[in-house]
Amino acid sequence: MRTIRTTTGAEIPLDGDLLTVLETLFREITAKRELARSYEDVMHEIQHLIAQMDEEERRRYLTESLFLNSVTYENERLGAYMKKLAGK
């Protein structure tokens, strides 16, 4: 299995698991810096990772990302709807 590296040298296996990428980003960018990171820091790291992927890997991770975001969005909307119903 192919791997890519963060700017700190942490390896990420490209097995299609978006959560592995997100957990590594959190550990290497947010936790190691004790929450002292900026939008630019995170974007720079994401761009660094994407630059190491080929077209098919980018497509796979974009698909996974859109799916995860759609589920998160649905859950937030449903949560707001349930709160609205409970408040009536």
N, C-alpha and C. Protein backbone atom coordinates (compact mmCIF):
# COMPACT_ATOMS: atom_id res chain seq x y z
N MET A 1 0.85 -1.18 0.00
CA MET A 1 0.00 0.00 0.00
C MET A 1 0.90 1.24 0.00
N ARG A 2 0.52 2.19 -0.81
CA ARG A 2 1.27 3.43 -0.92
C ARG A 2 1.00 4.33 0.29
N THR A 3 1.99 5.11 0.68
CA THR A 3 1.82 6.06 1.78
C THR A 3 2.27 7.44 1.33
N ILE A 4 1.75 8.44 2.02
CA ILE A 4 2.20 9.81 1.84
C ILE A 4 2.66 10.30 3.21
N ARG A 5 3.33 11.44 3.23
CA ARG A 5 3.86 11.96 4.49
C ARG A 5 3.38 13.40 4.73
N THR A 6 3.18 13.69 6.00
CA THR A 6 2.88 15.07 6.39
C THR A 6 4.19 15.86 6.37
N THR A 7 4.11 17.15 6.56
CA THR A 7 5.33 17.97 6.61
C THR A 7 6.18 17.64 7.84
N THR A 8 5.56 17.01 8.84
CA THR A 8 6.31 16.60 10.03
C THR A 8 6.91 15.20 9.88
N GLY A 9 6.60 14.54 8.76
CA GLY A 9 7.16 13.22 8.49
C GLY A 9 6.27 12.04 8.85
N ALA A 10 5.09 12.30 9.38
CA ALA A 10 4.18 11.21 9.73
C ALA A 10 3.65 10.56 8.46
N GLU A 11 3.65 9.23 8.44
CA GLU A 11 3.16 8.50 7.27
C GLU A 11 1.65 8.29 7.36
N ILE A 12 1.00 8.38 6.20
CA ILE A 12 -0.43 8.11 6.10
C ILE A 12 -0.62 7.08 4.99
N PRO A 13 -1.17 5.91 5.31
CA PRO A 13 -1.43 4.93 4.26
C PRO A 13 -2.62 5.38 3.41
N LEU A 14 -2.50 5.23 2.12
CA LEU A 14 -3.59 5.62 1.22
C LEU A 14 -4.48 4.42 0.95
N ASP A 15 -5.28 4.09 1.97
CA ASP A 15 -6.17 2.94 1.86
C ASP A 15 -7.63 3.35 1.70
N GLY A 16 -7.87 4.65 1.45
CA GLY A 16 -9.23 5.14 1.25
C GLY A 16 -9.93 5.55 2.53
N ASP A 17 -9.28 5.43 3.67
CA ASP A 17 -9.89 5.76 4.95
C ASP A 17 -9.65 7.23 5.28
N LEU A 18 -10.66 8.04 5.05
CA LEU A 18 -10.55 9.48 5.29
C LEU A 18 -10.29 9.79 6.76
N LEU A 19 -10.85 9.00 7.66
CA LEU A 19 -10.66 9.27 9.09
C LEU A 19 -9.20 9.14 9.50
N THR A 20 -8.46 8.26 8.85
CA THR A 20 -7.02 8.15 9.13
C THR A 20 -6.32 9.46 8.79
N VAL A 21 -6.68 10.04 7.66
CA VAL A 21 -6.10 11.32 7.24
C VAL A 21 -6.48 12.41 8.25
N LEU A 22 -7.75 12.47 8.63
CA LEU A 22 -8.21 13.49 9.57
C LEU A 22 -7.55 13.34 10.93
N GLU A 23 -7.44 12.12 11.41
CA GLU A 23 -6.79 11.88 12.71
C GLU A 23 -5.32 12.28 12.67
N THR A 24 -4.66 11.98 11.57
CA THR A 24 -3.25 12.36 11.45
C THR A 24 -3.10 13.86 11.38
N LEU A 25 -3.96 14.53 10.62
CA LEU A 25 -3.93 16.00 10.57
C LEU A 25 -4.12 16.59 11.96
N PHE A 26 -5.09 16.07 12.70
CA PHE A 26 -5.33 16.58 14.06
C PHE A 26 -4.09 16.38 14.93
N ARG A 27 -3.55 15.18 14.91
CA ARG A 27 -2.39 14.87 15.76
C ARG A 27 -1.18 15.72 15.39
N GLU A 28 -0.88 15.83 14.09
CA GLU A 28 0.33 16.50 13.64
C GLU A 28 0.22 18.02 13.61
N ILE A 29 -0.96 18.54 13.37
CA ILE A 29 -1.12 20.00 13.25
C ILE A 29 -1.72 20.62 14.52
N THR A 30 -2.75 20.03 15.05
CA THR A 30 -3.46 20.62 16.18
C THR A 30 -2.87 20.20 17.52
N ALA A 31 -2.76 18.91 17.76
CA ALA A 31 -2.29 18.42 19.07
C ALA A 31 -0.83 18.76 19.32
N LYS A 32 0.03 18.52 18.36
CA LYS A 32 1.46 18.81 18.57
C LYS A 32 1.72 20.29 18.80
N ARG A 33 0.86 21.13 18.27
CA ARG A 33 1.04 22.58 18.46
C ARG A 33 0.19 23.10 19.61
N GLU A 34 -0.37 22.18 20.38
CA GLU A 34 -1.21 22.53 21.54
C GLU A 34 -2.30 23.53 21.17
N LEU A 35 -3.00 23.23 20.09
CA LEU A 35 -4.13 24.01 19.57
C LEU A 35 -3.73 25.35 18.95
N ALA A 36 -2.43 25.64 18.89
CA ALA A 36 -1.95 26.91 18.32
C ALA A 36 -1.68 26.71 16.83
N ARG A 37 -2.73 26.66 16.06
CA ARG A 37 -2.61 26.52 14.62
C ARG A 37 -3.64 27.42 13.96
N SER A 38 -3.38 27.76 12.72
CA SER A 38 -4.26 28.67 12.00
C SER A 38 -4.92 27.95 10.83
N TYR A 39 -5.86 28.63 10.24
CA TYR A 39 -6.50 28.14 9.02
C TYR A 39 -5.45 27.88 7.96
N GLU A 40 -4.51 28.80 7.83
CA GLU A 40 -3.44 28.67 6.84
C GLU A 40 -2.57 27.44 7.10
N ASP A 41 -2.28 27.16 8.37
CA ASP A 41 -1.49 25.98 8.72
C ASP A 41 -2.17 24.70 8.24
N VAL A 42 -3.46 24.61 8.53
CA VAL A 42 -4.21 23.41 8.16
C VAL A 42 -4.31 23.31 6.64
N MET A 43 -4.62 24.40 5.97
CA MET A 43 -4.73 24.38 4.51
C MET A 43 -3.40 24.02 3.86
N HIS A 44 -2.33 24.54 4.38
CA HIS A 44 -1.01 24.22 3.83
C HIS A 44 -0.75 22.71 3.94
N GLU A 45 -1.07 22.14 5.08
CA GLU A 45 -0.85 20.70 5.28
C GLU A 45 -1.74 19.88 4.36
N ILE A 46 -3.00 20.26 4.23
CA ILE A 46 -3.92 19.54 3.33
C ILE A 46 -3.40 19.61 1.89
N GLN A 47 -2.98 20.79 1.46
CA GLN A 47 -2.45 20.95 0.10
C GLN A 47 -1.19 20.11 -0.10
N HIS A 48 -0.37 20.03 0.93
CA HIS A 48 0.84 19.21 0.87
C HIS A 48 0.48 17.73 0.66
N LEU A 49 -0.54 17.26 1.38
CA LEU A 49 -0.97 15.87 1.24
C LEU A 49 -1.58 15.61 -0.13
N ILE A 50 -2.43 16.51 -0.59
CA ILE A 50 -3.08 16.34 -1.89
C ILE A 50 -2.06 16.32 -3.02
N ALA A 51 -1.01 17.12 -2.90
CA ALA A 51 0.02 17.18 -3.95
C ALA A 51 0.74 15.84 -4.12
N GLN A 52 0.71 15.00 -3.08
CA GLN A 52 1.37 13.70 -3.15
C GLN A 52 0.47 12.60 -3.72
N MET A 53 -0.81 12.91 -3.92
CA MET A 53 -1.76 11.92 -4.42
C MET A 53 -1.86 11.98 -5.93
N ASP A 54 -2.15 10.82 -6.53
CA ASP A 54 -2.43 10.83 -7.96
C ASP A 54 -3.91 11.13 -8.17
N GLU A 55 -4.33 11.23 -9.41
CA GLU A 55 -5.70 11.62 -9.72
C GLU A 55 -6.74 10.66 -9.13
N GLU A 56 -6.50 9.39 -9.23
CA GLU A 56 -7.45 8.40 -8.68
C GLU A 56 -7.53 8.49 -7.17
N GLU A 57 -6.43 8.69 -6.49
CA GLU A 57 -6.44 8.83 -5.03
C GLU A 57 -7.19 10.08 -4.62
N ARG A 58 -6.97 11.18 -5.34
CA ARG A 58 -7.71 12.41 -5.03
C ARG A 58 -9.21 12.20 -5.21
N ARG A 59 -9.58 11.53 -6.29
CA ARG A 59 -11.00 11.26 -6.56
C ARG A 59 -11.61 10.43 -5.43
N ARG A 60 -10.89 9.40 -5.00
CA ARG A 60 -11.38 8.52 -3.93
C ARG A 60 -11.58 9.29 -2.63
N TYR A 61 -10.60 10.12 -2.28
CA TYR A 61 -10.70 10.87 -1.02
C TYR A 61 -11.71 12.01 -1.10
N LEU A 62 -11.88 12.61 -2.28
CA LEU A 62 -12.93 13.63 -2.44
C LEU A 62 -14.31 12.99 -2.27
N THR A 63 -14.50 11.83 -2.88
CA THR A 63 -15.78 11.12 -2.74
C THR A 63 -16.06 10.80 -1.28
N GLU A 64 -15.07 10.27 -0.58
CA GLU A 64 -15.22 9.95 0.84
C GLU A 64 -15.52 11.21 1.65
N SER A 65 -14.83 12.30 1.33
CA SER A 65 -15.03 13.55 2.05
C SER A 65 -16.44 14.10 1.84
N LEU A 66 -16.91 14.09 0.60
CA LEU A 66 -18.27 14.57 0.33
C LEU A 66 -19.31 13.71 1.02
N PHE A 67 -19.10 12.41 1.04
CA PHE A 67 -20.03 11.53 1.73
C PHE A 67 -20.07 11.85 3.23
N LEU A 68 -18.89 11.93 3.84
CA LEU A 68 -18.82 12.23 5.27
C LEU A 68 -19.46 13.58 5.59
N ASN A 69 -19.20 14.57 4.76
CA ASN A 69 -19.78 15.89 4.99
C ASN A 69 -21.29 15.88 4.80
N SER A 70 -21.80 15.11 3.83
CA SER A 70 -23.25 15.06 3.64
C SER A 70 -23.93 14.40 4.83
N VAL A 71 -23.33 13.36 5.39
CA VAL A 71 -23.89 12.69 6.57
C VAL A 71 -23.85 13.65 7.77
N THR A 72 -22.75 14.35 7.95
CA THR A 72 -22.63 15.32 9.04
C THR A 72 -23.69 16.41 8.91
N TYR A 73 -23.85 16.92 7.69
CA TYR A 73 -24.85 17.96 7.43
C TYR A 73 -26.26 17.45 7.75
N GLU A 74 -26.57 16.26 7.27
CA GLU A 74 -27.89 15.67 7.54
C GLU A 74 -28.12 15.53 9.04
N ASN A 75 -27.11 15.05 9.76
CA ASN A 75 -27.25 14.87 11.21
C ASN A 75 -27.48 16.20 11.91
N GLU A 76 -26.78 17.25 11.49
CA GLU A 76 -26.97 18.57 12.09
C GLU A 76 -28.37 19.09 11.81
N ARG A 77 -28.84 18.93 10.58
CA ARG A 77 -30.20 19.38 10.23
C ARG A 77 -31.26 18.61 11.01
N LEU A 78 -31.08 17.30 11.10
CA LEU A 78 -32.04 16.49 11.85
C LEU A 78 -32.02 16.85 13.34
N GLY A 79 -30.83 17.12 13.88
CA GLY A 79 -30.72 17.54 15.27
C GLY A 79 -31.46 18.84 15.53
N ALA A 80 -31.31 19.79 14.63
CA ALA A 80 -32.00 21.08 14.76
C ALA A 80 -33.50 20.88 14.66
N TYR A 81 -33.93 20.02 13.76
CA TYR A 81 -35.36 19.74 13.60
C TYR A 81 -35.93 19.09 14.86
N MET A 82 -35.19 18.15 15.43
CA MET A 82 -35.65 17.48 16.65
C MET A 82 -35.75 18.46 17.82
N LYS A 83 -34.79 19.38 17.91
CA LYS A 83 -34.84 20.40 18.97
C LYS A 83 -36.06 21.29 18.78
N LYS A 84 -36.34 21.62 17.53
CA LYS A 84 -37.50 22.46 17.23
C LYS A 84 -38.78 21.74 17.63
N LEU A 85 -38.87 20.45 17.31
CA LEU A 85 -40.05 19.67 17.69
C LEU A 85 -40.21 19.55 19.20
N ALA A 86 -39.08 19.38 19.88
CA ALA A 86 -39.11 19.24 21.34
C ALA A 86 -39.51 20.54 22.02
N GLY A 87 -39.20 21.67 21.38
CA GLY A 87 -39.50 22.97 21.96
C GLY A 87 -40.94 23.40 21.80
N LYS A 88 -41.71 22.70 21.00
CA LYS A 88 -43.13 23.09 20.77
C LYS A 88 -44.02 22.58 21.84
